[in-house]
Amino acid sequence: SLLVGVMLAIVNFARVVLLEGYPIEIGLVVCVTLVFTVVVAKCLGGFLPIVAKKLGFDPALMASPLITTIVDSISLLIYFAIASVVLGI
């Protein structure tokens, strides 16, 4: 997941900064967030069904709607934390 996140971030950074013309700081915030979001999504996507099975629940209950909601919430927190540090907001 780290390799996928880094490759996506490199391509996205080139697109955001070179093609779209946004400042480097904006590209940095978006791309660092992308790396962390991909890693967190992959880890939670594999971890939550295992936890559900250990707790005696059907792992299918932890399928996409719940995982998507959790990952989206965590991604927003990661984005705002990185943006506040890098951009000084």
N, C-alpha and C. Protein backbone atom coordinates (compact mmCIF):
# COMPACT_ATOMS: atom_id res chain seq x y z
N SER A 1 0.82 -1.19 0.00
CA SER A 1 0.00 0.00 0.00
C SER A 1 0.86 1.26 0.00
N LEU A 2 2.01 1.17 0.65
CA LEU A 2 2.91 2.33 0.65
C LEU A 2 3.44 2.62 -0.75
N LEU A 3 3.79 1.58 -1.47
CA LEU A 3 4.29 1.75 -2.84
C LEU A 3 3.20 2.34 -3.75
N VAL A 4 1.98 1.85 -3.62
CA VAL A 4 0.88 2.37 -4.42
C VAL A 4 0.62 3.83 -4.08
N GLY A 5 0.60 4.15 -2.78
CA GLY A 5 0.38 5.52 -2.35
C GLY A 5 1.45 6.47 -2.85
N VAL A 6 2.70 6.05 -2.79
CA VAL A 6 3.80 6.90 -3.25
C VAL A 6 3.73 7.11 -4.76
N MET A 7 3.44 6.07 -5.51
CA MET A 7 3.34 6.22 -6.97
C MET A 7 2.18 7.13 -7.36
N LEU A 8 1.04 6.97 -6.69
CA LEU A 8 -0.09 7.85 -6.95
C LEU A 8 0.25 9.30 -6.60
N ALA A 9 0.97 9.48 -5.50
CA ALA A 9 1.34 10.83 -5.07
C ALA A 9 2.29 11.49 -6.06
N ILE A 10 3.23 10.74 -6.59
CA ILE A 10 4.19 11.31 -7.55
C ILE A 10 3.46 11.77 -8.82
N VAL A 11 2.61 10.91 -9.33
CA VAL A 11 1.86 11.26 -10.55
C VAL A 11 0.92 12.43 -10.27
N ASN A 12 0.25 12.40 -9.13
CA ASN A 12 -0.68 13.47 -8.79
C ASN A 12 0.05 14.79 -8.54
N PHE A 13 1.23 14.74 -7.94
CA PHE A 13 2.00 15.96 -7.71
C PHE A 13 2.37 16.62 -9.03
N ALA A 14 2.81 15.80 -9.98
CA ALA A 14 3.15 16.34 -11.29
C ALA A 14 1.93 16.96 -11.96
N ARG A 15 0.80 16.32 -11.83
CA ARG A 15 -0.43 16.84 -12.43
C ARG A 15 -0.86 18.15 -11.76
N VAL A 16 -0.87 18.16 -10.44
CA VAL A 16 -1.36 19.33 -9.70
C VAL A 16 -0.43 20.53 -9.90
N VAL A 17 0.86 20.32 -9.79
CA VAL A 17 1.80 21.44 -9.84
C VAL A 17 2.14 21.83 -11.28
N LEU A 18 2.46 20.87 -12.11
CA LEU A 18 2.92 21.18 -13.45
C LEU A 18 1.79 21.47 -14.43
N LEU A 19 0.76 20.66 -14.42
CA LEU A 19 -0.31 20.85 -15.39
C LEU A 19 -1.37 21.85 -14.94
N GLU A 20 -1.73 21.80 -13.67
CA GLU A 20 -2.77 22.68 -13.17
C GLU A 20 -2.23 24.02 -12.69
N GLY A 21 -0.95 24.08 -12.33
CA GLY A 21 -0.33 25.32 -11.94
C GLY A 21 -0.56 25.75 -10.49
N TYR A 22 -0.96 24.84 -9.63
CA TYR A 22 -1.14 25.18 -8.22
C TYR A 22 0.22 25.33 -7.54
N PRO A 23 0.28 26.06 -6.43
CA PRO A 23 1.55 26.18 -5.70
C PRO A 23 2.05 24.82 -5.20
N ILE A 24 3.33 24.74 -5.00
CA ILE A 24 3.95 23.48 -4.56
C ILE A 24 3.39 23.05 -3.20
N GLU A 25 3.10 24.01 -2.33
CA GLU A 25 2.58 23.66 -1.00
C GLU A 25 1.25 22.92 -1.10
N ILE A 26 0.39 23.37 -2.00
CA ILE A 26 -0.90 22.70 -2.19
C ILE A 26 -0.69 21.29 -2.72
N GLY A 27 0.19 21.14 -3.69
CA GLY A 27 0.51 19.81 -4.21
C GLY A 27 1.08 18.90 -3.15
N LEU A 28 1.92 19.45 -2.29
CA LEU A 28 2.52 18.67 -1.21
C LEU A 28 1.46 18.19 -0.23
N VAL A 29 0.55 19.07 0.14
CA VAL A 29 -0.52 18.69 1.07
C VAL A 29 -1.38 17.59 0.48
N VAL A 30 -1.78 17.75 -0.76
CA VAL A 30 -2.65 16.76 -1.40
C VAL A 30 -1.94 15.42 -1.54
N CYS A 31 -0.69 15.44 -1.92
CA CYS A 31 0.03 14.19 -2.18
C CYS A 31 0.43 13.45 -0.91
N VAL A 32 0.82 14.17 0.12
CA VAL A 32 1.14 13.51 1.39
C VAL A 32 -0.13 12.91 1.99
N THR A 33 -1.23 13.65 1.88
CA THR A 33 -2.52 13.12 2.34
C THR A 33 -2.89 11.87 1.57
N LEU A 34 -2.64 11.87 0.28
CA LEU A 34 -2.95 10.71 -0.56
C LEU A 34 -2.19 9.47 -0.10
N VAL A 35 -0.91 9.63 0.20
CA VAL A 35 -0.11 8.49 0.67
C VAL A 35 -0.68 7.94 1.97
N PHE A 36 -0.93 8.82 2.93
CA PHE A 36 -1.44 8.36 4.23
C PHE A 36 -2.83 7.74 4.08
N THR A 37 -3.67 8.31 3.24
CA THR A 37 -5.02 7.80 3.05
C THR A 37 -5.01 6.40 2.43
N VAL A 38 -4.17 6.18 1.46
CA VAL A 38 -4.08 4.85 0.83
C VAL A 38 -3.60 3.81 1.83
N VAL A 39 -2.59 4.16 2.61
CA VAL A 39 -2.06 3.21 3.61
C VAL A 39 -3.12 2.90 4.66
N VAL A 40 -3.79 3.92 5.17
CA VAL A 40 -4.81 3.71 6.20
C VAL A 40 -5.98 2.89 5.63
N ALA A 41 -6.39 3.19 4.40
CA ALA A 41 -7.50 2.46 3.79
C ALA A 41 -7.17 0.99 3.62
N LYS A 42 -5.97 0.70 3.17
CA LYS A 42 -5.57 -0.71 2.99
C LYS A 42 -5.49 -1.44 4.31
N CYS A 43 -4.93 -0.78 5.32
CA CYS A 43 -4.81 -1.42 6.64
C CYS A 43 -6.18 -1.67 7.27
N LEU A 44 -7.05 -0.67 7.24
CA LEU A 44 -8.38 -0.84 7.82
C LEU A 44 -9.21 -1.84 7.03
N GLY A 45 -9.07 -1.81 5.72
CA GLY A 45 -9.82 -2.75 4.89
C GLY A 45 -9.45 -4.20 5.16
N GLY A 46 -8.24 -4.44 5.58
CA GLY A 46 -7.84 -5.80 5.92
C GLY A 46 -8.02 -6.14 7.39
N PHE A 47 -7.97 -5.11 8.24
CA PHE A 47 -8.00 -5.32 9.69
C PHE A 47 -9.43 -5.46 10.24
N LEU A 48 -10.35 -4.63 9.77
CA LEU A 48 -11.70 -4.63 10.34
C LEU A 48 -12.45 -5.95 10.13
N PRO A 49 -12.38 -6.60 8.96
CA PRO A 49 -13.05 -7.91 8.86
C PRO A 49 -12.44 -8.97 9.78
N ILE A 50 -11.16 -8.91 10.01
CA ILE A 50 -10.53 -9.86 10.93
C ILE A 50 -11.03 -9.63 12.35
N VAL A 51 -11.13 -8.37 12.75
CA VAL A 51 -11.65 -8.04 14.08
C VAL A 51 -13.10 -8.50 14.21
N ALA A 52 -13.90 -8.29 13.17
CA ALA A 52 -15.30 -8.72 13.21
C ALA A 52 -15.40 -10.23 13.38
N LYS A 53 -14.55 -10.97 12.70
CA LYS A 53 -14.58 -12.42 12.82
C LYS A 53 -14.16 -12.86 14.22
N LYS A 54 -13.14 -12.19 14.79
CA LYS A 54 -12.69 -12.53 16.14
C LYS A 54 -13.79 -12.25 17.17
N LEU A 55 -14.61 -11.21 16.90
CA LEU A 55 -15.68 -10.85 17.83
C LEU A 55 -16.95 -11.68 17.60
N GLY A 56 -16.92 -12.56 16.60
CA GLY A 56 -18.04 -13.44 16.35
C GLY A 56 -19.08 -12.87 15.40
N PHE A 57 -18.77 -11.75 14.76
CA PHE A 57 -19.68 -11.16 13.78
C PHE A 57 -19.34 -11.66 12.38
N ASP A 58 -20.28 -11.50 11.49
CA ASP A 58 -20.05 -11.84 10.08
C ASP A 58 -19.10 -10.80 9.49
N PRO A 59 -17.95 -11.22 8.94
CA PRO A 59 -17.01 -10.24 8.36
C PRO A 59 -17.61 -9.41 7.24
N ALA A 60 -18.67 -9.92 6.60
CA ALA A 60 -19.31 -9.16 5.53
C ALA A 60 -19.98 -7.90 6.07
N LEU A 61 -20.27 -7.86 7.38
CA LEU A 61 -20.84 -6.66 7.98
C LEU A 61 -19.87 -5.49 7.92
N MET A 62 -18.60 -5.81 7.88
CA MET A 62 -17.58 -4.77 7.81
C MET A 62 -17.24 -4.43 6.36
N ALA A 63 -18.14 -4.77 5.47
CA ALA A 63 -17.90 -4.52 4.05
C ALA A 63 -17.91 -3.03 3.75
N SER A 64 -17.93 -2.73 2.52
CA SER A 64 -17.64 -1.39 2.01
C SER A 64 -18.32 -0.21 2.68
N PRO A 65 -19.61 -0.20 3.02
CA PRO A 65 -20.17 1.03 3.59
C PRO A 65 -19.51 1.46 4.89
N LEU A 66 -19.29 0.53 5.80
CA LEU A 66 -18.68 0.89 7.08
C LEU A 66 -17.22 1.28 6.90
N ILE A 67 -16.48 0.49 6.15
CA ILE A 67 -15.07 0.80 5.92
C ILE A 67 -14.92 2.12 5.19
N THR A 68 -15.77 2.38 4.21
CA THR A 68 -15.70 3.63 3.45
C THR A 68 -15.96 4.82 4.36
N THR A 69 -16.94 4.72 5.22
CA THR A 69 -17.25 5.81 6.14
C THR A 69 -16.10 6.07 7.09
N ILE A 70 -15.52 5.02 7.64
CA ILE A 70 -14.40 5.19 8.58
C ILE A 70 -13.20 5.78 7.86
N VAL A 71 -12.86 5.26 6.70
CA VAL A 71 -11.70 5.76 5.95
C VAL A 71 -11.91 7.21 5.52
N ASP A 72 -13.11 7.55 5.08
CA ASP A 72 -13.38 8.94 4.70
C ASP A 72 -13.21 9.89 5.88
N SER A 73 -13.70 9.49 7.03
CA SER A 73 -13.57 10.34 8.22
C SER A 73 -12.11 10.51 8.62
N ILE A 74 -11.37 9.43 8.61
CA ILE A 74 -9.95 9.49 8.96
C ILE A 74 -9.18 10.29 7.92
N SER A 75 -9.54 10.14 6.65
CA SER A 75 -8.87 10.89 5.59
C SER A 75 -9.05 12.39 5.75
N LEU A 76 -10.24 12.81 6.12
CA LEU A 76 -10.46 14.24 6.37
C LEU A 76 -9.62 14.75 7.53
N LEU A 77 -9.53 13.96 8.59
CA LEU A 77 -8.70 14.36 9.73
C LEU A 77 -7.23 14.45 9.33
N ILE A 78 -6.77 13.49 8.55
CA ILE A 78 -5.38 13.52 8.08
C ILE A 78 -5.14 14.74 7.20
N TYR A 79 -6.07 15.01 6.27
CA TYR A 79 -5.93 16.15 5.37
C TYR A 79 -5.85 17.46 6.14
N PHE A 80 -6.76 17.65 7.07
CA PHE A 80 -6.77 18.91 7.83
C PHE A 80 -5.54 19.04 8.71
N ALA A 81 -5.05 17.94 9.26
CA ALA A 81 -3.84 18.00 10.08
C ALA A 81 -2.63 18.36 9.24
N ILE A 82 -2.48 17.75 8.08
CA ILE A 82 -1.35 18.04 7.19
C ILE A 82 -1.45 19.47 6.66
N ALA A 83 -2.65 19.88 6.26
CA ALA A 83 -2.83 21.23 5.74
C ALA A 83 -2.52 22.28 6.79
N SER A 84 -2.90 22.03 8.02
CA SER A 84 -2.63 23.02 9.06
C SER A 84 -1.14 23.12 9.37
N VAL A 85 -0.42 22.02 9.26
CA VAL A 85 1.02 22.06 9.50
C VAL A 85 1.76 22.70 8.32
N VAL A 86 1.47 22.25 7.11
CA VAL A 86 2.21 22.72 5.94
C VAL A 86 1.83 24.16 5.57
N LEU A 87 0.53 24.46 5.58
CA LEU A 87 0.07 25.77 5.14
C LEU A 87 -0.05 26.77 6.29
N GLY A 88 0.07 26.30 7.51
CA GLY A 88 -0.02 27.21 8.66
C GLY A 88 -1.41 27.75 8.86
N ILE A 89 -2.40 26.96 8.54
CA ILE A 89 -3.79 27.42 8.67
C ILE A 89 -4.26 27.21 10.09
